[in-house]
Structures are given as C-alpha cells and as structure tokens.
C-alpha cells in the first residue's frame, strides 16, 4: 500500500484526494532523502477547535534547530510585551570639579540591549552613533578630563557567555557570538581577505572592521574556484584574542569578507568609548575595564539613558532573520523578568516554567541547552511547537508574532521555499520559521486552508545524511500546498 501511495504522490504530488491526509503524509516517509533518517510532524487548525489534520511521531523528541526560536520569542512577548525596550545607562562616579575633572570612573551599565550599536533592527543606531551620543553626554556634563577608568558593568548577566553543546566549529563565528549584558555592534566584526585567483592557494587576511584591540588572526584559508559560498570558520572562544581561520572562500580578484565574533564585546564598547573621548579632547588616565559585580549607583550621576527599539521590532529580526545572538539574549531576559540573574541556566528554567504553566509541554517533552537552536543536542517534540503556535494564535500579541515569521520570498531565513506557491500573491499567505543545522531540517508556521482558516504545522527531519539535498524542502513545500487545499469539516 505504501509503495502505491508513493507512486501516486510522484505523479500527483500530495494533491487532495479522497484519502485521509494522514495516509498521504505517511506515504512521504519513503522519500529518498529520509532513508535512515527520522521525520516527525503534526498539523492542526490554529484556533485549537478541531482535531489534528495529521500527526506522525508528534510526541518524539527531535532536534528543532532554529524553530526553537518560536518558543523563546513567544515567551518573551508574553512576559515583556511588544513595546518593551532595553536600557543602557551611562554614569559618572561623581560630578566634575571646577576644572572639569571627573575624579572617578565613567560607567556604562549594560541592560542587556542586544541591538546596541547594531543596524539590523528598525530604530537602532550604529555603534559610532551610540558612542557619539555618550561622548556628547560627557561633554554636556562639563567633564573635560577623567581621572579614572571607563568601565563596562555586565552584572545583569552571569555565567558562561555561550551555551553548552555548541559545536566547536561554530564558536568564533558571528552566528555563535557570545552574549553579554553589554552587547555592541551585534558582537561581531568583519574579517577582510586579500584577493586570490589561484585555486587551492592560501589566502591572507587584509584587515578587520571595526578594529578590535588585541585581536590577532592567522589564516589557513584557501581559495576555492568551484564554490561561491563562504566556507571559512573562525576558531576562538570568548576572551580569546588569537584567532585561527580555516576552510575555503571563493577565488576573487578584489577580496572576500566574513564575519567573526568579538571575543569580549563589553570590553570593546568601553575601549571604543575611551578612544572617541580622547579624540574629542577628553583625556582618560585609566583603562577600559569590565566589571562583573555592580557598583552602588545611588550616589552616581546619570548622564545618558539609551533605549533599544521595541521588543516587537527585535523579535521581527530574531525569527525572520534567525539571528542566534538576539534569541539567546532573550532567553537570559526571561530569567531577569522572573527576578533572577540572566544566566543560561536561569533562562532555560524560566522558559520551561512558561511552557508548563501554559500547558504547552510536559517535563519529558524537551531537553534544551539554548534559546536559539544552535546546539545539535536540543530536543523537543513537534507537538510542543504546535501547541506554542496554537497558543500564540490566541494571544493579544499574535499580530507581532505572526509578522515576525518569514514568507517564502524573504531573504535570509527563508529562501528554503523560494521556488513554490504560484501565483505570486499566494506567497504572503504562508508564514514560516525554518531551521537547519548538521543533519537537521525543520519547518514550522502557519498557512491558510482553502477557506482562509489558519492551520499551524510543524515538520522536523533529523539524522539526515546531508543538508545539501534540496529535495526534502520540495517535499515540505508539497505538504504546505496540500494543507492550503484543505477544507475544514463542518
């Protein structure tokens, strides 16, 4: 029977027939890309008032990759609200004397604003604009000289800046940048390579931007005339300033650029502030430093409060662009919202509490190590994701959540469905969050049925032999189209 169904699905890819949807889905398990792999999925009407349309291994724990961000962003919206903004404050330890000398330290108090100095999010300022704002605040306070240090206070968070189980190959690259209570410039910098046209030849580093004090790079990267993609990896963890770069980049005449993680973004923020204060004629006698324990701010002078864009605008980037740093920062803020220090452990406990309190998951339904899905060891059942999608459809914040999901023609997070859904006007009706890491391809989101009623769906493929086989995305596209043809039973 399964072979007959497979034959029919090849001739008529998942078109609706008299057969139950469950049987049509089960027939796809003979797909060549799934040989030796696991696939689990589930779909149901998002209003929660109808039976599931299909369920296959829906209660089996699987690696979600970046679809995990759907849980983190849902919890953040519910706990903080879409209009929430993160604060970064600038203090002087005391007032300047009559000669304009500050006999004490200047403090930048990190409030966990992941967008500080970023240009990714609507309404955020670039890092030169942020530092200029701080310098102007110092000048406005009448400070002409600082007899002290410029200090970054990162005490809002504690513990490791990277989650457990992150692949060593990822650490050092921008998409695994360390979290900090004082983020800066998305905690990344650009590495510029010289041009090299000779296939297999070593490619040297030309420079970096912005210039990170103390960073040294050794390149083992070679040019690859057969590949147009960035396959270079930066090796170096948090606070490691001697970086090694391996892999390949395309052969080019003019050069090539990749992005790496800043070893200590909070330190770089106050180093850059110190540099620009000096350029503005304000001398600093001390050093740029990072403080793990908060000082007493009661008697200090508040010079400036910098506000982030709204949480709704941040979540738009987290889901639509699948930005790991922002998701893992939001995980820590779940802990802060519960009155705890913003550690990974406390954040995971807060997320688990959210899932249980809203009956989205039971204790054994998930094992999580981060809030972004970067770890291959994260596990949750497809039904947990489905429950979250259905829960958010009932939320007053659903509009923000829904708009943060990608459409198939979005760049970045999802070009995975870029070749389907014609005519073009149908594309905007599909909202999706994708996830891809080694051996994993996952997809979840919302589609309207033939009558315009929203269906929530989750597809997860694990233990794939290769991530280069695009045919599995095509199978997922056909499943989505089938859901869109579905008609609700009266």
Protein backbone atom coordinates (compact mmCIF):
# COMPACT_ATOMS: atom_id res chain seq x y z
CA UNK A 1 0.00 0.00 0.00
CA UNK A 2 2.84 2.42 0.89
CA UNK A 3 4.52 1.81 -2.50
CA UNK A 4 1.26 2.57 -4.32
CA UNK A 5 0.82 5.79 -2.35
CA UNK A 6 4.39 6.80 -3.11
CA UNK A 7 3.76 6.19 -6.83
CA UNK A 8 0.64 8.36 -6.68
CA UNK A 9 2.47 11.11 -4.81
CA UNK A 10 5.12 11.25 -7.52
CA UNK A 11 2.52 11.60 -10.27
CA UNK A 12 0.25 13.91 -8.27
CA UNK A 13 2.38 15.44 -5.51
CA UNK A 14 0.19 15.41 -2.42
CA UNK A 15 -2.89 16.72 -4.19
CA UNK A 16 -6.03 16.18 -2.15
CA UNK A 17 -7.85 13.01 -2.88
CA UNK A 18 -10.42 11.00 -1.01
CA UNK A 19 -7.55 9.56 1.01
CA UNK A 20 -7.06 10.88 4.53
CA UNK A 21 -4.28 13.43 4.90
CA UNK A 22 -2.59 11.14 7.43
CA UNK A 23 -2.08 8.46 4.76
CA UNK A 24 -0.73 10.97 2.26
CA UNK A 25 1.84 12.17 4.80
CA UNK A 26 2.86 8.66 5.80
CA UNK A 27 3.48 7.83 2.13
CA UNK A 28 6.16 10.51 2.01
CA UNK A 29 8.30 8.61 4.51
CA UNK A 30 9.67 6.60 1.58
CA UNK A 31 11.27 9.78 0.25
CA UNK A 32 14.91 9.05 -0.71
CA UNK A 33 16.24 11.90 1.45
CA UNK A 34 14.68 10.26 4.53
CA UNK A 35 16.41 6.89 4.12
CA UNK A 36 17.99 6.16 7.52
CA UNK A 37 16.59 9.41 8.93
CA UNK A 38 13.70 10.39 11.18
CA UNK A 39 10.79 12.63 10.25
CA UNK A 40 8.11 13.91 12.60
CA UNK A 41 5.31 16.34 12.03
CA UNK A 42 1.87 17.49 13.04
CA UNK A 43 -0.74 19.97 11.81
CA UNK A 44 -3.97 21.31 13.28
CA UNK A 45 -6.23 24.30 12.96
CA UNK A 46 -4.69 27.17 14.88
CA UNK A 47 -7.87 28.06 16.72
CA UNK A 48 -7.49 24.78 18.58
CA UNK A 49 -11.11 23.82 18.00
CA UNK A 50 -10.61 20.94 15.58
CA UNK A 51 -8.87 17.60 15.55
CA UNK A 52 -5.33 17.35 14.26
CA UNK A 53 -5.11 17.01 10.48
CA UNK A 54 -2.20 14.58 10.76
CA UNK A 55 0.37 13.53 13.34
CA UNK A 56 3.47 11.43 12.78
CA UNK A 57 5.98 10.98 15.63
CA UNK A 58 4.46 14.14 17.10
CA UNK A 59 5.45 13.05 20.62
CA UNK A 60 9.00 12.01 19.74
CA UNK A 61 11.79 14.31 20.91
CA UNK A 62 13.74 15.62 17.93
CA UNK A 63 16.32 18.33 17.26
CA UNK A 64 14.44 21.52 16.29
CA UNK A 65 17.34 23.69 15.06
CA UNK A 66 16.19 27.31 14.74
CA UNK A 67 12.48 26.52 15.02
CA UNK A 68 13.29 26.61 18.76
CA UNK A 69 13.23 30.40 18.42
CA UNK A 70 9.44 30.13 18.17
CA UNK A 71 9.37 29.16 21.85
CA UNK A 72 11.84 31.83 23.01
CA UNK A 73 10.12 34.67 21.17
CA UNK A 74 6.66 33.55 22.30
CA UNK A 75 7.77 33.54 25.94
CA UNK A 76 9.48 36.95 25.57
CA UNK A 77 6.39 38.53 24.05
CA UNK A 78 4.14 37.12 26.75
CA UNK A 79 6.45 38.08 29.63
CA UNK A 80 7.64 41.50 28.47
CA UNK A 81 5.10 42.73 25.93
CA UNK A 82 5.77 44.01 22.40
CA UNK A 83 6.52 47.61 23.48
CA UNK A 84 9.26 46.70 25.95
CA UNK A 85 12.62 48.46 25.48
CA UNK A 86 16.01 47.61 26.98
CA UNK A 87 18.07 50.35 28.65
CA UNK A 88 21.79 51.10 28.64
CA UNK A 89 22.84 53.81 31.10
CA UNK A 90 25.93 55.97 31.30
CA UNK A 91 27.04 57.20 34.75
CA UNK A 92 29.83 59.31 36.13
CA UNK A 93 31.01 58.35 39.60
CA UNK A 94 30.69 61.94 40.76
CA UNK A 95 30.26 65.47 39.42
CA UNK A 96 33.29 67.08 37.77
CA UNK A 97 35.20 69.67 39.80
CA UNK A 98 35.51 73.34 38.87
CA UNK A 99 38.21 72.47 36.32
CA UNK A 100 36.00 69.87 34.58
CA UNK A 101 37.92 66.90 36.03
CA UNK A 102 35.98 63.76 36.92
CA UNK A 103 37.88 62.25 39.84
CA UNK A 104 36.39 58.82 39.48
CA UNK A 105 35.17 56.34 36.91
CA UNK A 106 32.80 56.51 34.00
CA UNK A 107 30.39 53.54 33.93
CA UNK A 108 28.41 52.03 31.08
CA UNK A 109 25.71 49.93 32.75
CA UNK A 110 24.66 47.13 30.45
CA UNK A 111 20.94 46.44 30.36
CA UNK A 112 21.07 43.51 28.00
CA UNK A 113 20.22 45.51 24.88
CA UNK A 114 21.18 43.10 22.12
CA UNK A 115 20.71 45.83 19.49
CA UNK A 116 23.16 48.37 20.96
CA UNK A 117 25.27 49.68 18.09
CA UNK A 118 23.50 47.45 15.56
CA UNK A 119 22.00 48.47 12.25
CA UNK A 120 19.86 45.34 11.86
CA UNK A 121 16.78 46.49 13.74
CA UNK A 122 14.43 49.29 12.78
CA UNK A 123 15.15 52.28 15.02
CA UNK A 124 18.57 51.16 16.28
CA UNK A 125 21.70 53.32 15.99
CA UNK A 126 25.06 52.21 14.65
CA UNK A 127 27.93 51.85 17.10
CA UNK A 128 29.63 55.14 16.05
CA UNK A 129 26.30 56.94 16.64
CA UNK A 130 25.92 55.36 20.08
CA UNK A 131 29.46 56.27 21.14
CA UNK A 132 28.97 59.81 19.82
CA UNK A 133 25.82 60.06 21.95
CA UNK A 134 27.82 59.02 25.03
CA UNK A 135 30.67 61.45 24.28
CA UNK A 136 28.18 64.29 23.88
CA UNK A 137 26.58 63.37 27.22
CA UNK A 138 30.00 63.53 28.89
CA UNK A 139 30.68 66.92 27.31
CA UNK A 140 27.24 68.22 28.33
CA UNK A 141 28.04 67.26 31.94
CA UNK A 142 31.08 69.55 31.78
CA UNK A 143 33.61 66.74 32.03
CA UNK A 144 36.91 67.64 30.35
CA UNK A 145 39.16 65.07 31.95
CA UNK A 146 38.60 61.66 33.51
CA UNK A 147 40.92 60.72 36.35
CA UNK A 148 39.73 57.15 36.44
CA UNK A 149 38.65 54.23 34.29
CA UNK A 150 35.95 53.70 31.71
CA UNK A 151 34.06 50.68 32.99
CA UNK A 152 31.56 48.27 31.42
CA UNK A 153 29.15 46.86 34.02
CA UNK A 154 27.90 43.46 32.82
CA UNK A 155 26.46 42.32 36.17
CA UNK A 156 22.91 41.88 34.85
CA UNK A 157 24.02 38.53 33.39
CA UNK A 158 26.21 35.84 34.90
CA UNK A 159 27.75 32.53 33.97
CA UNK A 160 29.01 31.30 30.58
CA UNK A 161 28.51 33.63 27.62
CA UNK A 162 27.97 30.64 25.32
CA UNK A 163 25.59 27.74 25.86
CA UNK A 164 26.76 24.19 26.45
CA UNK A 165 26.90 21.81 23.49
CA UNK A 166 27.67 24.47 20.88
CA UNK A 167 29.78 22.91 18.12
CA UNK A 168 33.43 24.00 18.38
CA UNK A 169 33.42 24.73 14.64
CA UNK A 170 30.77 27.40 15.26
CA UNK A 171 32.46 29.16 18.17
CA UNK A 172 34.31 32.23 16.96
CA UNK A 173 31.88 32.92 14.12
CA UNK A 174 29.30 35.71 14.17
CA UNK A 175 26.34 33.34 14.38
CA UNK A 176 27.69 31.97 17.68
CA UNK A 177 28.78 35.32 19.14
CA UNK A 178 28.94 35.40 22.97
CA UNK A 179 26.06 37.03 24.83
CA UNK A 180 26.76 39.95 27.15
CA UNK A 181 24.80 42.37 29.29
CA UNK A 182 26.62 44.98 27.22
CA UNK A 183 26.37 43.86 23.61
CA UNK A 184 27.93 46.05 20.97
CA UNK A 185 27.73 46.02 17.16
CA UNK A 186 25.97 42.63 17.24
CA UNK A 187 29.13 41.33 18.96
CA UNK A 188 30.78 40.80 15.59
CA UNK A 189 33.46 42.22 13.33
CA UNK A 190 34.32 41.75 9.68
CA UNK A 191 37.44 39.92 8.51
CA UNK A 192 38.68 41.04 5.09
CA UNK A 193 40.74 38.67 2.95
CA UNK A 194 43.01 39.60 0.09
CA UNK A 195 42.08 38.62 -3.42
CA UNK A 196 43.33 35.25 -4.64
CA UNK A 197 42.59 33.66 -8.01
CA UNK A 198 44.70 30.53 -7.64
CA UNK A 199 42.59 27.52 -6.67
CA UNK A 200 43.96 25.88 -3.51
CA UNK A 201 46.29 28.77 -2.64
CA UNK A 202 46.43 30.17 0.89
CA UNK A 203 44.51 33.46 1.31
CA UNK A 204 45.90 36.05 3.73
CA UNK A 205 43.90 38.40 5.94
CA UNK A 206 43.96 42.01 4.75
CA UNK A 207 42.36 43.58 7.82
CA UNK A 208 39.29 43.86 10.02
CA UNK A 209 36.49 46.32 10.71
CA UNK A 210 35.89 47.63 13.22
CA UNK A 211 39.41 47.32 14.59
CA UNK A 212 39.26 45.17 17.74
CA UNK A 213 42.23 45.95 20.04
CA UNK A 214 44.37 42.91 20.72
CA UNK A 215 42.89 40.59 18.09
CA UNK A 216 45.45 38.59 16.09
CA UNK A 217 44.42 36.37 13.20
CA UNK A 218 46.22 33.54 11.45
CA UNK A 219 44.70 32.36 8.19
CA UNK A 220 44.81 28.80 6.91
CA UNK A 221 42.01 29.59 4.46
CA UNK A 222 42.42 28.51 0.83
CA UNK A 223 40.76 29.76 -2.34
CA UNK A 224 38.15 27.52 -3.96
CA UNK A 225 37.27 28.21 -7.59
CA UNK A 226 34.46 25.64 -7.52
CA UNK A 227 32.47 27.13 -4.63
CA UNK A 228 30.93 30.60 -4.44
CA UNK A 229 29.99 30.34 -0.76
CA UNK A 230 31.72 31.24 2.49
CA UNK A 231 33.06 28.00 3.96
CA UNK A 232 35.58 29.62 6.30
CA UNK A 233 35.41 29.08 10.06
CA UNK A 234 36.95 31.20 12.80
CA UNK A 235 38.28 29.24 15.77
CA UNK A 236 38.43 31.11 19.06
CA UNK A 237 36.18 31.27 22.10
CA UNK A 238 35.10 34.11 24.39
CA UNK A 239 38.04 36.24 25.61
CA UNK A 240 40.42 34.51 23.18
CA UNK A 241 42.18 37.11 21.06
CA UNK A 242 44.44 34.85 18.99
CA UNK A 243 42.15 33.51 16.28
CA UNK A 244 42.79 30.89 13.62
CA UNK A 245 40.70 30.70 10.46
CA UNK A 246 40.27 27.51 8.42
CA UNK A 247 38.20 26.44 5.45
CA UNK A 248 37.69 27.93 2.00
CA UNK A 249 36.42 31.09 0.35
CA UNK A 250 35.71 31.75 -3.34
CA UNK A 251 38.51 32.80 -5.65
CA UNK A 252 38.25 36.56 -6.16
CA UNK A 253 40.30 39.40 -7.59
CA UNK A 254 39.13 42.05 -5.14
CA UNK A 255 38.92 40.06 -1.90
CA UNK A 256 36.29 38.45 0.30
CA UNK A 257 34.76 39.23 3.71
CA UNK A 258 33.46 37.01 6.51
CA UNK A 259 32.18 37.89 10.00
CA UNK A 260 33.66 36.75 13.30
CA UNK A 261 32.63 37.03 16.95
CA UNK A 262 34.16 39.76 19.11
CA UNK A 263 35.99 37.97 21.96
CA UNK A 264 34.72 40.42 24.61
CA UNK A 265 32.09 42.84 23.24
CA UNK A 266 31.65 44.77 26.51
CA UNK A 267 35.37 45.49 26.66
CA UNK A 268 35.36 46.62 23.04
CA UNK A 269 32.46 49.01 23.80
CA UNK A 270 34.37 50.86 26.52
CA UNK A 271 37.62 50.72 24.54
CA UNK A 272 35.83 52.46 21.68
CA UNK A 273 34.29 54.99 24.07
CA UNK A 274 37.73 55.70 25.56
CA UNK A 275 39.19 56.18 22.09
CA UNK A 276 36.49 58.61 21.00
CA UNK A 277 36.62 60.54 24.29
CA UNK A 278 40.32 61.04 23.69
CA UNK A 279 39.70 62.16 20.11
CA UNK A 280 37.16 64.68 21.44
CA UNK A 281 39.83 66.16 23.72
CA UNK A 282 38.71 64.45 26.94
CA UNK A 283 41.73 62.66 28.42
CA UNK A 284 41.33 59.40 30.33
CA UNK A 285 44.02 58.49 32.84
CA UNK A 286 42.81 54.94 33.50
CA UNK A 287 41.90 51.90 31.44
CA UNK A 288 38.90 50.35 29.76
CA UNK A 289 37.64 47.64 32.11
CA UNK A 290 34.82 45.12 32.53
CA UNK A 291 33.07 44.78 35.89
CA UNK A 292 31.20 41.61 36.84
CA UNK A 293 29.67 42.93 40.08
CA UNK A 294 27.51 46.05 40.07
CA UNK A 295 28.75 49.11 41.94
CA UNK A 296 26.39 51.27 44.01
CA UNK A 297 24.76 53.70 41.60
CA UNK A 298 22.74 55.56 44.24
CA UNK A 299 25.21 58.45 44.55
CA UNK A 300 26.35 58.46 40.92
CA UNK A 301 25.30 60.91 38.23
CA UNK A 302 23.18 59.58 35.37
CA UNK A 303 24.48 61.13 32.15
CA UNK A 304 22.54 59.25 29.49
CA UNK A 305 19.90 56.54 29.01
CA UNK A 306 19.91 54.78 25.66
CA UNK A 307 16.74 52.89 24.72
CA UNK A 308 16.56 49.93 22.38
CA UNK A 309 13.94 49.52 19.66
CA UNK A 310 10.77 47.78 20.79
CA UNK A 311 10.73 44.08 21.55
CA UNK A 312 8.33 43.59 18.63
CA UNK A 313 10.93 45.01 16.23
CA UNK A 314 13.66 42.86 17.80
CA UNK A 315 11.59 39.68 17.52
CA UNK A 316 10.98 40.54 13.86
CA UNK A 317 14.75 40.07 13.33
CA UNK A 318 15.03 37.03 15.62
CA UNK A 319 12.52 34.99 13.64
CA UNK A 320 12.65 36.44 10.15
CA UNK A 321 16.46 36.58 10.01
CA UNK A 322 17.01 33.71 12.51
CA UNK A 323 19.58 35.72 14.48
CA UNK A 324 21.02 33.48 17.20
CA UNK A 325 22.54 36.16 19.44
CA UNK A 326 19.26 38.01 19.89
CA UNK A 327 17.41 34.77 20.70
CA UNK A 328 19.96 33.72 23.32
CA UNK A 329 19.86 37.22 24.82
CA UNK A 330 16.07 36.99 25.07
CA UNK A 331 16.45 33.66 26.86
CA UNK A 332 18.50 35.41 29.55
CA UNK A 333 15.90 38.16 29.80
CA UNK A 334 13.25 35.57 30.64
CA UNK A 335 15.26 34.94 33.81
CA UNK A 336 15.67 38.66 34.51
CA UNK A 337 11.89 39.11 34.16
CA UNK A 338 11.50 36.46 36.90
CA UNK A 339 13.84 38.39 39.18
CA UNK A 340 16.84 36.15 38.55
CA UNK A 341 20.31 36.78 37.18
CA UNK A 342 20.38 36.49 33.39
CA UNK A 343 22.24 33.20 33.10
CA UNK A 344 21.65 30.45 30.55
CA UNK A 345 20.53 28.07 33.31
CA UNK A 346 18.06 30.55 34.78
CA UNK A 347 16.77 31.42 31.32
CA UNK A 348 16.15 27.78 30.47
CA UNK A 349 14.34 27.31 33.78
CA UNK A 350 12.16 30.34 33.01
CA UNK A 351 11.36 29.02 29.53
CA UNK A 352 10.47 25.60 30.95
CA UNK A 353 8.22 27.28 33.52
CA UNK A 354 6.46 29.20 30.73
CA UNK A 355 5.85 26.03 28.72
CA UNK A 356 4.48 24.12 31.71
CA UNK A 357 2.32 26.95 33.06
CA UNK A 358 0.52 27.29 29.73
CA UNK A 359 0.22 23.52 29.23
CA UNK A 360 2.39 23.64 26.12
CA UNK A 361 4.73 20.88 27.24
CA UNK A 362 5.34 18.29 29.92
CA UNK A 363 8.66 17.76 31.65
CA UNK A 364 9.84 14.99 29.32
CA UNK A 365 8.82 16.74 26.11
CA UNK A 366 12.02 18.75 25.79
CA UNK A 367 15.73 18.93 26.65
CA UNK A 368 17.13 22.37 25.89
CA UNK A 369 20.58 23.97 26.06
CA UNK A 370 19.97 27.39 24.46
CA UNK A 371 17.25 29.69 23.18
CA UNK A 372 18.34 29.84 19.55
CA UNK A 373 18.52 26.22 18.43
CA UNK A 374 22.24 26.38 17.67
CA UNK A 375 23.04 23.30 19.74
CA UNK A 376 22.58 19.98 17.95
CA UNK A 377 21.69 18.45 21.35
CA UNK A 378 18.48 20.47 21.82
CA UNK A 379 15.43 18.23 21.70
CA UNK A 380 11.68 18.80 21.79
CA UNK A 381 8.62 17.13 20.35
CA UNK A 382 6.87 18.54 17.28
CA UNK A 383 3.73 18.80 19.40
CA UNK A 384 5.41 21.33 21.74
CA UNK A 385 5.98 23.62 18.78
CA UNK A 386 2.43 23.06 17.54
CA UNK A 387 1.00 23.84 20.99
CA UNK A 388 3.01 27.06 21.08
CA UNK A 389 1.81 28.15 17.64
CA UNK A 390 -1.81 27.49 18.64
CA UNK A 391 -1.31 29.26 21.99
CA UNK A 392 0.11 32.35 20.29
CA UNK A 393 -2.79 32.48 17.83
CA UNK A 394 -4.98 33.23 20.86
CA UNK A 395 -2.54 35.80 22.28
CA UNK A 396 -3.20 39.57 22.11
CA UNK A 397 0.32 39.78 20.68
CA UNK A 398 -0.34 37.36 17.83
CA UNK A 399 -0.02 40.06 15.16
CA UNK A 400 3.58 40.79 16.19
CA UNK A 401 4.41 37.09 16.39
CA UNK A 402 2.83 36.29 13.02
CA UNK A 403 4.55 39.19 11.24
CA UNK A 404 7.93 38.09 12.58
CA UNK A 405 7.74 34.86 10.61
CA UNK A 406 9.24 34.70 7.15
CA UNK A 407 7.36 34.48 3.89
CA UNK A 408 8.84 32.17 1.24
CA UNK A 409 10.24 35.10 -0.73
CA UNK A 410 12.05 36.64 2.26
CA UNK A 411 15.82 36.74 2.12
CA UNK A 412 17.81 35.10 4.87
CA UNK A 413 15.68 32.74 6.92
CA UNK A 414 13.61 31.76 4.30
CA UNK A 415 14.68 31.18 0.86
CA UNK A 416 14.05 27.49 1.54
CA UNK A 417 10.63 27.74 -0.09
CA UNK A 418 11.58 30.31 -2.69
CA UNK A 419 10.56 28.25 -5.71
CA UNK A 420 6.97 27.46 -4.92
CA UNK A 421 3.47 28.87 -4.41
CA UNK A 422 2.41 30.35 -7.70
CA UNK A 423 0.78 32.72 -8.44
CA UNK A 424 2.99 35.11 -6.54
CA UNK A 425 0.18 36.65 -4.49
CA UNK A 426 -0.17 33.34 -2.65
CA UNK A 427 3.28 33.68 -1.11
CA UNK A 428 2.35 36.19 1.58
CA UNK A 429 -0.28 33.81 2.93
CA UNK A 430 2.40 31.43 4.22
CA UNK A 431 4.34 32.30 7.38
CA UNK A 432 7.23 30.07 8.31
CA UNK A 433 10.22 29.60 10.63
CA UNK A 434 12.92 27.33 9.34
CA UNK A 435 15.82 25.59 10.99
CA UNK A 436 18.90 23.94 9.53
CA UNK A 437 21.96 22.55 11.28
CA UNK A 438 24.04 19.45 10.57
CA UNK A 439 21.66 16.59 9.83
CA UNK A 440 18.53 18.63 10.59
CA UNK A 441 15.92 20.40 8.50
CA UNK A 442 12.86 21.74 10.27
CA UNK A 443 9.95 23.98 9.35
CA UNK A 444 7.02 25.35 11.33
CA UNK A 445 4.45 28.09 10.99
CA UNK A 446 1.01 28.94 9.69
CA UNK A 447 -0.85 28.52 6.39
CA UNK A 448 -4.47 29.29 5.50
CA UNK A 449 -6.70 26.49 4.26
CA UNK A 450 -8.91 26.78 1.18
CA UNK A 451 -11.40 28.82 3.21
CA UNK A 452 -8.81 31.15 4.77
CA UNK A 453 -8.76 29.48 8.18
CA UNK A 454 -5.27 29.27 9.73
CA UNK A 455 -3.54 25.92 10.11
CA UNK A 456 -0.49 25.55 12.36
CA UNK A 457 2.09 22.98 11.24
CA UNK A 458 5.46 21.52 12.25
CA UNK A 459 7.84 19.38 10.15
CA UNK A 460 11.12 18.00 11.54
CA UNK A 461 13.70 15.85 9.76
CA UNK A 462 16.62 14.53 11.83
CA UNK A 463 19.72 12.42 11.17
CA UNK A 464 19.86 13.37 7.51
CA UNK A 465 22.87 12.09 5.62
CA UNK A 466 23.41 15.51 4.04
CA UNK A 467 21.99 19.00 4.26
CA UNK A 468 22.76 19.68 0.60
CA UNK A 469 19.83 17.66 -0.72
CA UNK A 470 17.16 20.25 -1.55
CA UNK A 471 14.53 17.63 -2.41
CA UNK A 472 13.36 17.47 1.21
CA UNK A 473 12.40 21.16 1.07
CA UNK A 474 10.38 20.34 -2.03
CA UNK A 475 8.57 17.64 -0.08
CA UNK A 476 7.81 20.17 2.64
CA UNK A 477 6.53 22.60 0.01
CA UNK A 478 4.13 19.97 -1.28
CA UNK A 479 2.90 19.31 2.25
CA UNK A 480 2.22 23.02 2.72
CA UNK A 481 0.35 23.25 -0.57
CA UNK A 482 -1.75 20.27 0.48
CA UNK A 483 -2.62 21.99 3.75
CA UNK A 484 -3.62 25.09 1.80
CA UNK A 485 -6.06 22.99 -0.23
CA UNK A 486 -7.59 21.54 2.90
CA UNK A 487 -11.26 22.28 3.64
CA UNK A 488 -12.45 22.34 7.22
CA UNK A 489 -15.10 19.79 8.11
CA UNK A 490 -18.43 21.33 9.07
